[in-house]
Amino acid sequence: MKKFTKIFIIAFLLCILIYICKIDIFTVKEVTVNLVDETTVIPVGQVSGLKLYTNGVLVVGMSEIKAEDNQKYKPYKDSGIEEGDRIVRINDIEVTDTKSLTDIVNKSEGNTLKIEYIKENETCNCNITPVKISDKTYKLGLWVRDSAAGIGTLTFYEPSTGNFAALGHGITDSDTGDLVEISNGEFLTTRIISIIKGKKGNPGKIQGTLDEQTTIGTIYKNTNLGIYGTVNNLSAINLDLSNEIKVAQRYDITLGEASLYCSIDNGKPKEYKIEIEKIFLNNNTDNKSMLIKVKDEELLQKTGGIIQGMSGTPIIQNGKFIRSCNKCISK
């Protein structure tokens, strides 16, 4: 009896303590779970052309200048400018392309120019004095470029936004190897002229022309994961509007059968069989998140696998868009 009394007293005192300290031993924390909206896209798979225009002009090389006095000079020496830098202003005048740079330099009449340039996302300034050459024009000794062009595959169209994605990787400058910093660009139709089949030691490529082609849309972003833009002319795409499918989450992707959706003969896109051999779930820096193998005999006969120009080809598995094609191996 005494033992029961002690237990009762202890329990009673504990209840008083909980009440005084306002300890709630039965509180359950409410957690709100936000479900990810399911995005839907229409796979395109159409080989297309692109033109990118840089923000400023890109320095792609340097060379000595033979001046009017037959002496050789390096006006850029000790300026700090290197290949891969972008010149954006000269004497506080915006440089939009190679022509505007040439005009400003020639109007300088040999006076020192204040140059603003971008190096690894940092704004820098320097002074360069142009050199007069035999034809009475002035030079800085810098080779520059203001645009890039090529072909790739249009990956998908997103009906809810009117946006598109293409290529599956970024456009890099052929001389510097750096990702091209763009101000704008355009995506165009292209006419495929020939296909060079890929084989060991030769990746193969699709050859096409951008002459007399139609603009599909504008490009606003060049990233390591691809080209992004807005479709302005939907009729320029071989698009089946009823073919809208969900975008898969990474955990939806499995090893095994899948298909490419592309057009390599100027016709409507069609599906080709592939096999997903490896999945790299932790890769978030580029589009190389899986290794695939082409199994379709028709595609292998035509191309030998994935060749240049097919980057951006959409991959479909279990009725969902899982990613764009970047690199694979042949059968």
C-alpha atoms as a PDB file:
ATOM      1  CA  MET A   1       0.000   0.000   0.000  1.00  0.00           C
ATOM      2  CA  LYS A   2       2.828   2.353   0.917  1.00  0.00           C
ATOM      3  CA  LYS A   3       4.524   1.508  -2.390  1.00  0.00           C
ATOM      4  CA  PHE A   4       1.345   2.371  -4.342  1.00  0.00           C
ATOM      5  CA  THR A   5       1.052   5.660  -2.449  1.00  0.00           C
ATOM      6  CA  LYS A   6       4.626   6.639  -3.396  1.00  0.00           C
ATOM      7  CA  ILE A   7       3.969   5.887  -7.064  1.00  0.00           C
ATOM      8  CA  PHE A   8       0.774   7.923  -6.980  1.00  0.00           C
ATOM      9  CA  ILE A   9       2.502  10.902  -5.344  1.00  0.00           C
ATOM     10  CA  ILE A  10       5.366  10.800  -7.904  1.00  0.00           C
ATOM     11  CA  ALA A  11       2.904  10.646 -10.809  1.00  0.00           C
ATOM     12  CA  PHE A  12       0.879  13.509  -9.323  1.00  0.00           C
ATOM     13  CA  LEU A  13       3.949  15.715  -8.887  1.00  0.00           C
ATOM     14  CA  LEU A  14       5.073  14.910 -12.455  1.00  0.00           C
ATOM     15  CA  CYS A  15       1.707  16.041 -13.811  1.00  0.00           C
ATOM     16  CA  ILE A  16       1.983  19.309 -11.868  1.00  0.00           C
ATOM     17  CA  LEU A  17       5.509  19.834 -13.263  1.00  0.00           C
ATOM     18  CA  ILE A  18       4.336  19.263 -16.839  1.00  0.00           C
ATOM     19  CA  TYR A  19       1.469  21.709 -16.331  1.00  0.00           C
ATOM     20  CA  ILE A  20       3.672  24.421 -14.771  1.00  0.00           C
ATOM     21  CA  CYS A  21       6.374  24.115 -17.457  1.00  0.00           C
ATOM     22  CA  LYS A  22       3.758  23.798 -20.207  1.00  0.00           C
ATOM     23  CA  ILE A  23       5.425  20.696 -21.550  1.00  0.00           C
ATOM     24  CA  ASP A  24       3.302  19.153 -24.287  1.00  0.00           C
ATOM     25  CA  ILE A  25       4.441  15.551 -24.646  1.00  0.00           C
ATOM     26  CA  PHE A  26       1.803  14.776 -27.239  1.00  0.00           C
ATOM     27  CA  THR A  27       2.478  17.554 -29.804  1.00  0.00           C
ATOM     28  CA  VAL A  28       2.871  16.318 -33.385  1.00  0.00           C
ATOM     29  CA  LYS A  29       4.651  18.744 -35.697  1.00  0.00           C
ATOM     30  CA  GLU A  30       2.676  19.558 -38.815  1.00  0.00           C
ATOM     31  CA  VAL A  31       4.739  19.126 -42.001  1.00  0.00           C
ATOM     32  CA  THR A  32       3.625  20.456 -45.358  1.00  0.00           C
ATOM     33  CA  VAL A  33       4.787  18.455 -48.385  1.00  0.00           C
ATOM     34  CA  ASN A  34       4.875  20.313 -51.695  1.00  0.00           C
ATOM     35  CA  LEU A  35       4.498  17.911 -54.594  1.00  0.00           C
ATOM     36  CA  VAL A  36       6.553  18.647 -57.723  1.00  0.00           C
ATOM     37  CA  ASP A  37       4.326  19.715 -60.591  1.00  0.00           C
ATOM     38  CA  GLU A  38       4.533  17.329 -63.517  1.00  0.00           C
ATOM     39  CA  THR A  39       5.981  19.149 -66.506  1.00  0.00           C
ATOM     40  CA  THR A  40       4.889  18.075 -69.963  1.00  0.00           C
ATOM     41  CA  VAL A  41       6.744  18.612 -73.239  1.00  0.00           C
ATOM     42  CA  ILE A  42       6.517  17.584 -76.871  1.00  0.00           C
ATOM     43  CA  PRO A  43       9.648  15.773 -78.132  1.00  0.00           C
ATOM     44  CA  VAL A  44      10.864  17.331 -81.393  1.00  0.00           C
ATOM     45  CA  GLY A  45      14.030  15.559 -82.621  1.00  0.00           C
ATOM     46  CA  GLN A  46      14.452  17.854 -85.631  1.00  0.00           C
ATOM     47  CA  VAL A  47      17.963  18.686 -86.864  1.00  0.00           C
ATOM     48  CA  SER A  48      18.115  22.486 -86.962  1.00  0.00           C
ATOM     49  CA  GLY A  49      20.532  25.369 -87.365  1.00  0.00           C
ATOM     50  CA  LEU A  50      21.606  27.953 -84.839  1.00  0.00           C
ATOM     51  CA  LYS A  51      23.322  31.312 -84.793  1.00  0.00           C
ATOM     52  CA  LEU A  52      24.685  32.840 -81.590  1.00  0.00           C
ATOM     53  CA  TYR A  53      25.753  36.449 -81.144  1.00  0.00           C
ATOM     54  CA  THR A  54      28.193  37.221 -78.360  1.00  0.00           C
ATOM     55  CA  ASN A  55      27.869  39.878 -75.690  1.00  0.00           C
ATOM     56  CA  GLY A  56      30.642  42.141 -76.979  1.00  0.00           C
ATOM     57  CA  VAL A  57      33.373  40.549 -79.103  1.00  0.00           C
ATOM     58  CA  LEU A  58      35.360  37.491 -78.116  1.00  0.00           C
ATOM     59  CA  VAL A  59      39.164  37.602 -78.310  1.00  0.00           C
ATOM     60  CA  VAL A  60      40.223  34.409 -80.106  1.00  0.00           C
ATOM     61  CA  GLY A  61      43.848  35.226 -80.949  1.00  0.00           C
ATOM     62  CA  MET A  62      46.693  37.750 -81.003  1.00  0.00           C
ATOM     63  CA  SER A  63      49.370  38.611 -83.524  1.00  0.00           C
ATOM     64  CA  GLU A  64      52.158  41.092 -84.206  1.00  0.00           C
ATOM     65  CA  ILE A  65      51.304  44.072 -86.389  1.00  0.00           C
ATOM     66  CA  LYS A  66      53.582  45.242 -89.168  1.00  0.00           C
ATOM     67  CA  ALA A  67      53.253  49.022 -88.947  1.00  0.00           C
ATOM     68  CA  GLU A  68      53.552  51.753 -91.563  1.00  0.00           C
ATOM     69  CA  ASP A  69      57.231  52.120 -90.634  1.00  0.00           C
ATOM     70  CA  ASN A  70      57.803  48.390 -91.397  1.00  0.00           C
ATOM     71  CA  GLN A  71      58.455  47.671 -87.705  1.00  0.00           C
ATOM     72  CA  LYS A  72      56.523  44.961 -85.858  1.00  0.00           C
ATOM     73  CA  TYR A  73      54.521  45.824 -82.748  1.00  0.00           C
ATOM     74  CA  LYS A  74      52.326  44.122 -80.148  1.00  0.00           C
ATOM     75  CA  PRO A  75      49.878  46.855 -79.076  1.00  0.00           C
ATOM     76  CA  TYR A  76      48.143  44.466 -76.661  1.00  0.00           C
ATOM     77  CA  LYS A  77      51.361  43.617 -74.776  1.00  0.00           C
ATOM     78  CA  ASP A  78      51.027  44.111 -70.989  1.00  0.00           C
ATOM     79  CA  SER A  79      47.342  45.033 -71.378  1.00  0.00           C
ATOM     80  CA  GLY A  80      46.137  41.952 -69.510  1.00  0.00           C
ATOM     81  CA  ILE A  81      43.837  40.903 -72.345  1.00  0.00           C
ATOM     82  CA  GLU A  82      43.983  37.194 -73.201  1.00  0.00           C
ATOM     83  CA  GLU A  83      42.208  34.733 -75.473  1.00  0.00           C
ATOM     84  CA  GLY A  84      38.724  34.055 -74.146  1.00  0.00           C
ATOM     85  CA  ASP A  85      38.188  37.612 -72.851  1.00  0.00           C
ATOM     86  CA  ARG A  86      35.285  39.678 -74.180  1.00  0.00           C
ATOM     87  CA  ILE A  87      35.685  43.323 -75.162  1.00  0.00           C
ATOM     88  CA  VAL A  88      32.443  45.163 -74.330  1.00  0.00           C
ATOM     89  CA  ARG A  89      33.336  48.883 -74.442  1.00  0.00           C
ATOM     90  CA  ILE A  90      35.989  51.164 -75.939  1.00  0.00           C
ATOM     91  CA  ASN A  91      36.176  54.774 -74.732  1.00  0.00           C
ATOM     92  CA  ASP A  92      32.790  54.161 -73.046  1.00  0.00           C
ATOM     93  CA  ILE A  93      31.225  53.251 -76.403  1.00  0.00           C
ATOM     94  CA  GLU A  94      29.476  49.872 -76.477  1.00  0.00           C
ATOM     95  CA  VAL A  95      31.080  47.256 -78.725  1.00  0.00           C
ATOM     96  CA  THR A  96      28.297  45.120 -80.226  1.00  0.00           C
ATOM     97  CA  ASP A  97      30.147  43.339 -83.034  1.00  0.00           C
ATOM     98  CA  THR A  98      33.436  43.228 -84.962  1.00  0.00           C
ATOM     99  CA  LYS A  99      32.351  46.094 -87.239  1.00  0.00           C
ATOM    100  CA  SER A 100      31.705  48.459 -84.336  1.00  0.00           C
ATOM    101  CA  LEU A 101      35.130  47.612 -82.867  1.00  0.00           C
ATOM    102  CA  THR A 102      36.855  48.221 -86.210  1.00  0.00           C
ATOM    103  CA  ASP A 103      35.073  51.559 -86.656  1.00  0.00           C
ATOM    104  CA  ILE A 104      36.053  52.807 -83.181  1.00  0.00           C
ATOM    105  CA  VAL A 105      39.703  51.774 -83.625  1.00  0.00           C
ATOM    106  CA  ASN A 106      40.001  53.438 -87.041  1.00  0.00           C
ATOM    107  CA  LYS A 107      38.435  56.670 -85.770  1.00  0.00           C
ATOM    108  CA  SER A 108      41.010  56.820 -82.966  1.00  0.00           C
ATOM    109  CA  GLU A 109      43.702  58.018 -85.410  1.00  0.00           C
ATOM    110  CA  GLY A 110      46.292  56.317 -83.258  1.00  0.00           C
ATOM    111  CA  ASN A 111      45.265  57.798 -79.911  1.00  0.00           C
ATOM    112  CA  THR A 112      45.292  55.519 -76.873  1.00  0.00           C
ATOM    113  CA  LEU A 113      41.997  53.738 -76.277  1.00  0.00           C
ATOM    114  CA  LYS A 114      40.399  52.862 -72.946  1.00  0.00           C
ATOM    115  CA  ILE A 115      39.168  49.266 -73.261  1.00  0.00           C
ATOM    116  CA  GLU A 116      36.680  47.572 -70.951  1.00  0.00           C
ATOM    117  CA  TYR A 117      36.671  43.778 -71.111  1.00  0.00           C
ATOM    118  CA  ILE A 118      35.295  40.777 -69.232  1.00  0.00           C
ATOM    119  CA  LYS A 119      37.657  38.138 -67.868  1.00  0.00           C
ATOM    120  CA  GLU A 120      36.087  35.153 -66.096  1.00  0.00           C
ATOM    121  CA  ASN A 121      32.971  37.184 -65.221  1.00  0.00           C
ATOM    122  CA  GLU A 122      35.019  40.098 -63.834  1.00  0.00           C
ATOM    123  CA  THR A 123      35.079  43.529 -65.476  1.00  0.00           C
ATOM    124  CA  CYS A 124      38.596  44.793 -66.252  1.00  0.00           C
ATOM    125  CA  ASN A 125      40.044  47.909 -67.887  1.00  0.00           C
ATOM    126  CA  CYS A 126      43.221  48.636 -69.812  1.00  0.00           C
ATOM    127  CA  ASN A 127      44.692  51.050 -72.346  1.00  0.00           C
ATOM    128  CA  ILE A 128      45.911  50.070 -75.822  1.00  0.00           C
ATOM    129  CA  THR A 129      47.407  52.347 -78.458  1.00  0.00           C
ATOM    130  CA  PRO A 130      46.455  51.225 -82.002  1.00  0.00           C
ATOM    131  CA  VAL A 131      49.160  50.831 -84.653  1.00  0.00           C
ATOM    132  CA  LYS A 132      48.807  52.386 -88.102  1.00  0.00           C
ATOM    133  CA  ILE A 133      49.529  49.989 -90.976  1.00  0.00           C
ATOM    134  CA  SER A 134      50.349  50.537 -94.648  1.00  0.00           C
ATOM    135  CA  ASP A 135      46.752  50.884 -95.830  1.00  0.00           C
ATOM    136  CA  LYS A 136      46.268  53.786 -93.344  1.00  0.00           C
ATOM    137  CA  THR A 137      43.973  51.789 -91.039  1.00  0.00           C
ATOM    138  CA  TYR A 138      44.655  51.066 -87.364  1.00  0.00           C
ATOM    139  CA  LYS A 139      45.013  47.700 -85.622  1.00  0.00           C
ATOM    140  CA  LEU A 140      45.104  46.389 -82.044  1.00  0.00           C
ATOM    141  CA  GLY A 141      46.715  43.063 -82.915  1.00  0.00           C
ATOM    142  CA  LEU A 142      43.681  41.175 -81.615  1.00  0.00           C
ATOM    143  CA  TRP A 143      41.654  38.603 -83.528  1.00  0.00           C
ATOM    144  CA  VAL A 144      38.006  38.786 -82.455  1.00  0.00           C
ATOM    145  CA  ARG A 145      34.721  37.047 -83.210  1.00  0.00           C
ATOM    146  CA  ASP A 146      31.139  38.166 -82.612  1.00  0.00           C
ATOM    147  CA  SER A 147      29.096  35.113 -83.604  1.00  0.00           C
ATOM    148  CA  ALA A 148      29.009  31.343 -83.926  1.00  0.00           C
ATOM    149  CA  ALA A 149      26.902  29.059 -86.111  1.00  0.00           C
ATOM    150  CA  GLY A 150      26.254  25.356 -86.462  1.00  0.00           C
ATOM    151  CA  ILE A 151      23.629  22.634 -86.437  1.00  0.00           C
ATOM    152  CA  GLY A 152      22.150  20.477 -83.693  1.00  0.00           C
ATOM    153  CA  THR A 153      18.905  18.804 -82.722  1.00  0.00           C
ATOM    154  CA  LEU A 154      15.872  20.559 -81.290  1.00  0.00           C
ATOM    155  CA  THR A 155      15.046  18.520 -78.181  1.00  0.00           C
ATOM    156  CA  PHE A 156      11.593  19.532 -77.000  1.00  0.00           C
ATOM    157  CA  TYR A 157       8.908  22.188 -77.121  1.00  0.00           C
ATOM    158  CA  GLU A 158       7.067  23.147 -73.912  1.00  0.00           C
ATOM    159  CA  PRO A 159       3.475  24.133 -74.834  1.00  0.00           C
ATOM    160  CA  SER A 160       2.742  25.811 -71.482  1.00  0.00           C
ATOM    161  CA  THR A 161       5.541  28.376 -71.932  1.00  0.00           C
ATOM    162  CA  GLY A 162       6.334  28.375 -75.660  1.00  0.00           C
ATOM    163  CA  ASN A 163       9.973  27.625 -74.836  1.00  0.00           C
ATOM    164  CA  PHE A 164      12.306  25.074 -76.390  1.00  0.00           C
ATOM    165  CA  ALA A 165      15.523  23.275 -75.472  1.00  0.00           C
ATOM    166  CA  ALA A 166      18.144  22.028 -77.904  1.00  0.00           C
ATOM    167  CA  LEU A 167      21.578  20.462 -78.299  1.00  0.00           C
ATOM    168  CA  GLY A 168      22.009  18.863 -74.857  1.00  0.00           C
ATOM    169  CA  HIS A 169      25.306  20.708 -74.286  1.00  0.00           C
ATOM    170  CA  GLY A 170      26.612  24.248 -74.547  1.00  0.00           C
ATOM    171  CA  ILE A 171      28.251  25.928 -77.539  1.00  0.00           C
ATOM    172  CA  THR A 172      31.938  26.554 -76.923  1.00  0.00           C
ATOM    173  CA  ASP A 173      34.294  28.658 -78.973  1.00  0.00           C
ATOM    174  CA  SER A 174      36.396  26.556 -81.343  1.00  0.00           C
ATOM    175  CA  ASP A 175      39.540  28.560 -80.578  1.00  0.00           C
ATOM    176  CA  THR A 176      39.325  29.131 -76.820  1.00  0.00           C
ATOM    177  CA  GLY A 177      37.202  26.149 -75.771  1.00  0.00           C
ATOM    178  CA  ASP A 178      35.166  28.429 -73.482  1.00  0.00           C
ATOM    179  CA  LEU A 179      31.373  28.493 -73.304  1.00  0.00           C
ATOM    180  CA  VAL A 180      30.207  31.317 -75.592  1.00  0.00           C
ATOM    181  CA  GLU A 181      28.655  34.172 -73.590  1.00  0.00           C
ATOM    182  CA  ILE A 182      25.762  35.293 -75.771  1.00  0.00           C
ATOM    183  CA  SER A 183      23.610  38.394 -75.986  1.00  0.00           C
ATOM    184  CA  ASN A 184      21.042  36.652 -78.210  1.00  0.00           C
ATOM    185  CA  GLY A 185      20.692  34.159 -81.020  1.00  0.00           C
ATOM    186  CA  GLU A 186      18.287  32.466 -83.384  1.00  0.00           C
ATOM    187  CA  PHE A 187      17.269  28.908 -84.164  1.00  0.00           C
ATOM    188  CA  LEU A 188      16.533  28.045 -87.789  1.00  0.00           C
ATOM    189  CA  THR A 189      15.398  25.194 -89.960  1.00  0.00           C
ATOM    190  CA  THR A 190      18.149  23.459 -91.888  1.00  0.00           C
ATOM    191  CA  ARG A 191      18.318  21.264 -94.954  1.00  0.00           C
ATOM    192  CA  ILE A 192      20.403  18.118 -94.451  1.00  0.00           C
ATOM    193  CA  ILE A 193      22.843  17.715 -97.333  1.00  0.00           C
ATOM    194  CA  SER A 194      24.704  14.556 -96.340  1.00  0.00           C
ATOM    195  CA  ILE A 195      25.469  12.166 -93.490  1.00  0.00           C
ATOM    196  CA  ILE A 196      29.015  11.033 -92.760  1.00  0.00           C
ATOM    197  CA  LYS A 197      28.690   7.716 -90.943  1.00  0.00           C
ATOM    198  CA  GLY A 198      30.519   7.430 -87.641  1.00  0.00           C
ATOM    199  CA  LYS A 199      33.186   4.795 -87.131  1.00  0.00           C
ATOM    200  CA  LYS A 200      36.162   4.142 -84.877  1.00  0.00           C
ATOM    201  CA  GLY A 201      38.416   7.227 -84.913  1.00  0.00           C
ATOM    202  CA  ASN A 202      35.805   9.302 -86.751  1.00  0.00           C
ATOM    203  CA  PRO A 203      32.706  10.506 -84.870  1.00  0.00           C
ATOM    204  CA  GLY A 204      30.777  11.174 -88.087  1.00  0.00           C
ATOM    205  CA  LYS A 205      28.506  14.162 -88.664  1.00  0.00           C
ATOM    206  CA  ILE A 206      25.392  15.536 -90.278  1.00  0.00           C
ATOM    207  CA  GLN A 207      26.110  18.214 -92.864  1.00  0.00           C
ATOM    208  CA  GLY A 208      23.421  20.810 -93.466  1.00  0.00           C
ATOM    209  CA  THR A 209      22.898  24.291 -94.834  1.00  0.00           C
ATOM    210  CA  LEU A 210      21.361  27.368 -93.202  1.00  0.00           C
ATOM    211  CA  ASP A 211      20.970  29.235 -96.508  1.00  0.00           C
ATOM    212  CA  GLU A 212      17.416  30.390 -97.267  1.00  0.00           C
ATOM    213  CA  GLN A 213      16.038  28.755 -94.119  1.00  0.00           C
ATOM    214  CA  THR A 214      13.200  29.799 -91.825  1.00  0.00           C
ATOM    215  CA  THR A 215      13.601  31.163 -88.299  1.00  0.00           C
ATOM    216  CA  ILE A 216      12.079  28.885 -85.646  1.00  0.00           C
ATOM    217  CA  GLY A 217      12.687  31.070 -82.615  1.00  0.00           C
ATOM    218  CA  THR A 218      15.049  33.193 -80.548  1.00  0.00           C
ATOM    219  CA  ILE A 219      17.801  31.872 -78.292  1.00  0.00           C
ATOM    220  CA  TYR A 220      18.212  33.507 -74.886  1.00  0.00           C
ATOM    221  CA  LYS A 221      20.549  31.144 -73.013  1.00  0.00           C
ATOM    222  CA  ASN A 222      23.641  29.038 -73.758  1.00  0.00           C
ATOM    223  CA  THR A 223      24.496  26.693 -70.871  1.00  0.00           C
ATOM    224  CA  ASN A 224      26.486  23.539 -70.159  1.00  0.00           C
ATOM    225  CA  LEU A 225      23.186  21.646 -70.319  1.00  0.00           C
ATOM    226  CA  GLY A 226      22.049  23.003 -73.675  1.00  0.00           C
ATOM    227  CA  ILE A 227      20.542  25.872 -75.639  1.00  0.00           C
ATOM    228  CA  TYR A 228      17.259  27.452 -74.525  1.00  0.00           C
ATOM    229  CA  GLY A 229      14.920  29.826 -76.281  1.00  0.00           C
ATOM    230  CA  THR A 230      11.382  30.746 -77.317  1.00  0.00           C
ATOM    231  CA  VAL A 231       9.546  29.406 -80.346  1.00  0.00           C
ATOM    232  CA  ASN A 232       8.194  32.213 -82.527  1.00  0.00           C
ATOM    233  CA  ASN A 233       7.213  30.151 -85.575  1.00  0.00           C
ATOM    234  CA  LEU A 234       5.594  26.870 -84.559  1.00  0.00           C
ATOM    235  CA  SER A 235       4.771  25.979 -88.172  1.00  0.00           C
ATOM    236  CA  ALA A 236       8.518  25.685 -88.924  1.00  0.00           C
ATOM    237  CA  ILE A 237       8.790  22.551 -86.733  1.00  0.00           C
ATOM    238  CA  ASN A 238       7.707  19.025 -87.653  1.00  0.00           C
ATOM    239  CA  LEU A 239       5.579  18.868 -84.534  1.00  0.00           C
ATOM    240  CA  ASP A 240       2.829  16.473 -83.487  1.00  0.00           C
ATOM    241  CA  LEU A 241       0.864  18.529 -80.938  1.00  0.00           C
ATOM    242  CA  SER A 242      -0.884  15.385 -79.696  1.00  0.00           C
ATOM    243  CA  ASN A 243       2.465  13.860 -78.668  1.00  0.00           C
ATOM    244  CA  GLU A 244       2.685  15.734 -75.339  1.00  0.00           C
ATOM    245  CA  ILE A 245       4.322  13.586 -72.655  1.00  0.00           C
ATOM    246  CA  LYS A 246       5.462  13.916 -69.039  1.00  0.00           C
ATOM    247  CA  VAL A 247       9.046  14.709 -68.077  1.00  0.00           C
ATOM    248  CA  ALA A 248      10.462  11.869 -65.953  1.00  0.00           C
ATOM    249  CA  GLN A 249      12.162  12.381 -62.604  1.00  0.00           C
ATOM    250  CA  ARG A 250      15.624  10.850 -62.224  1.00  0.00           C
ATOM    251  CA  TYR A 251      14.291   8.034 -60.088  1.00  0.00           C
ATOM    252  CA  ASP A 252      11.900   7.089 -62.936  1.00  0.00           C
ATOM    253  CA  ILE A 253      14.805   6.204 -65.262  1.00  0.00           C
ATOM    254  CA  THR A 254      15.806   2.545 -65.366  1.00  0.00           C
ATOM    255  CA  LEU A 255      18.405   0.417 -67.086  1.00  0.00           C
ATOM    256  CA  GLY A 256      17.202  -1.295 -70.233  1.00  0.00           C
ATOM    257  CA  GLU A 257      15.191  -0.405 -73.311  1.00  0.00           C
ATOM    258  CA  ALA A 258      14.427   3.148 -74.396  1.00  0.00           C
ATOM    259  CA  SER A 259      14.225   4.998 -77.704  1.00  0.00           C
ATOM    260  CA  LEU A 260      15.606   7.991 -79.557  1.00  0.00           C
ATOM    261  CA  TYR A 261      13.165  10.272 -81.360  1.00  0.00           C
ATOM    262  CA  CYS A 262      14.748  12.060 -84.310  1.00  0.00           C
ATOM    263  CA  SER A 263      14.738  12.963 -87.982  1.00  0.00           C
ATOM    264  CA  ILE A 264      17.937  12.498 -89.983  1.00  0.00           C
ATOM    265  CA  ASP A 265      16.561  12.595 -93.513  1.00  0.00           C
ATOM    266  CA  ASN A 266      14.627  15.904 -93.725  1.00  0.00           C
ATOM    267  CA  GLY A 267      11.420  13.993 -92.965  1.00  0.00           C
ATOM    268  CA  LYS A 268       9.255  13.478 -89.911  1.00  0.00           C
ATOM    269  CA  PRO A 269      11.010  12.229 -86.743  1.00  0.00           C
ATOM    270  CA  LYS A 270      10.730   8.546 -85.868  1.00  0.00           C
ATOM    271  CA  GLU A 271      11.731   6.331 -82.956  1.00  0.00           C
ATOM    272  CA  TYR A 272      14.905   4.223 -82.872  1.00  0.00           C
ATOM    273  CA  LYS A 273      15.696   1.553 -80.261  1.00  0.00           C
ATOM    274  CA  ILE A 274      18.486   2.070 -77.728  1.00  0.00           C
ATOM    275  CA  GLU A 275      19.531   0.541 -74.407  1.00  0.00           C
ATOM    276  CA  ILE A 276      20.450   2.462 -71.254  1.00  0.00           C
ATOM    277  CA  GLU A 277      23.566   0.749 -69.873  1.00  0.00           C
ATOM    278  CA  LYS A 278      24.550   3.050 -66.989  1.00  0.00           C
ATOM    279  CA  ILE A 279      22.897   5.833 -64.997  1.00  0.00           C
ATOM    280  CA  PHE A 280      24.913   8.491 -63.154  1.00  0.00           C
ATOM    281  CA  LEU A 281      22.435   9.877 -60.612  1.00  0.00           C
ATOM    282  CA  ASN A 282      24.880  12.225 -58.872  1.00  0.00           C
ATOM    283  CA  ASN A 283      26.001  14.136 -61.970  1.00  0.00           C
ATOM    284  CA  ASN A 284      24.404  17.616 -61.865  1.00  0.00           C
ATOM    285  CA  THR A 285      27.061  19.624 -63.707  1.00  0.00           C
ATOM    286  CA  ASP A 286      26.373  18.585 -67.317  1.00  0.00           C
ATOM    287  CA  ASN A 287      24.087  16.397 -69.390  1.00  0.00           C
ATOM    288  CA  LYS A 288      26.231  13.234 -69.196  1.00  0.00           C
ATOM    289  CA  SER A 289      23.975  11.445 -66.745  1.00  0.00           C
ATOM    290  CA  MET A 290      23.755   8.110 -68.532  1.00  0.00           C
ATOM    291  CA  LEU A 291      25.488   5.838 -71.009  1.00  0.00           C
ATOM    292  CA  ILE A 292      23.394   4.494 -73.857  1.00  0.00           C
ATOM    293  CA  LYS A 293      23.937   2.033 -76.670  1.00  0.00           C
ATOM    294  CA  VAL A 294      22.237   2.210 -80.056  1.00  0.00           C
ATOM    295  CA  LYS A 295      20.475  -1.073 -80.862  1.00  0.00           C
ATOM    296  CA  ASP A 296      18.412  -0.055 -83.878  1.00  0.00           C
ATOM    297  CA  GLU A 297      19.824  -1.605 -87.067  1.00  0.00           C
ATOM    298  CA  GLU A 298      18.286   1.045 -89.325  1.00  0.00           C
ATOM    299  CA  LEU A 299      19.919   3.909 -87.420  1.00  0.00           C
ATOM    300  CA  LEU A 300      23.254   2.061 -87.228  1.00  0.00           C
ATOM    301  CA  GLN A 301      23.204   1.558 -90.976  1.00  0.00           C
ATOM    302  CA  LYS A 302      22.539   5.257 -91.581  1.00  0.00           C
ATOM    303  CA  THR A 303      24.785   6.882 -88.978  1.00  0.00           C
ATOM    304  CA  GLY A 304      26.800   4.259 -87.091  1.00  0.00           C
ATOM    305  CA  GLY A 305      25.437   5.638 -83.796  1.00  0.00           C
ATOM    306  CA  ILE A 306      25.074   9.158 -82.435  1.00  0.00           C
ATOM    307  CA  ILE A 307      27.013  11.537 -84.676  1.00  0.00           C
ATOM    308  CA  GLN A 308      27.699  15.271 -84.646  1.00  0.00           C
ATOM    309  CA  GLY A 309      24.482  17.149 -85.293  1.00  0.00           C
ATOM    310  CA  MET A 310      22.376  14.639 -83.348  1.00  0.00           C
ATOM    311  CA  SER A 311      23.269  16.127 -79.951  1.00  0.00           C
ATOM    312  CA  GLY A 312      20.000  17.080 -78.313  1.00  0.00           C
ATOM    313  CA  THR A 313      18.043  14.103 -79.669  1.00  0.00           C
ATOM    314  CA  PRO A 314      15.278  13.367 -77.130  1.00  0.00           C
ATOM    315  CA  ILE A 315      15.273  10.022 -75.305  1.00  0.00           C
ATOM    316  CA  ILE A 316      11.952   8.426 -74.386  1.00  0.00           C
ATOM    317  CA  GLN A 317      11.402   5.627 -71.856  1.00  0.00           C
ATOM    318  CA  ASN A 318       8.069   4.217 -70.657  1.00  0.00           C
ATOM    319  CA  GLY A 319       6.199   7.015 -72.376  1.00  0.00           C
ATOM    320  CA  LYS A 320       8.157   9.774 -70.622  1.00  0.00           C
ATOM    321  CA  PHE A 321      10.834  12.221 -71.765  1.00  0.00           C
ATOM    322  CA  ILE A 322      13.958  11.374 -69.754  1.00  0.00           C
ATOM    323  CA  ARG A 323      16.687  13.578 -71.268  1.00  0.00           C
ATOM    324  CA  SER A 324      18.451  14.592 -74.489  1.00  0.00           C
ATOM    325  CA  CYS A 325      21.214  12.627 -76.134  1.00  0.00           C
ATOM    326  CA  ASN A 326      24.770  13.883 -75.701  1.00  0.00           C
ATOM    327  CA  LYS A 327      27.118  10.937 -76.059  1.00  0.00           C
ATOM    328  CA  CYS A 328      26.750   7.225 -76.556  1.00  0.00           C
ATOM    329  CA  ILE A 329      28.435   4.128 -77.957  1.00  0.00           C
ATOM    330  CA  SER A 330      27.505   2.128 -81.035  1.00  0.00           C
ATOM    331  CA  LYS A 331      26.340  -1.468 -81.007  1.00  0.00           C
END
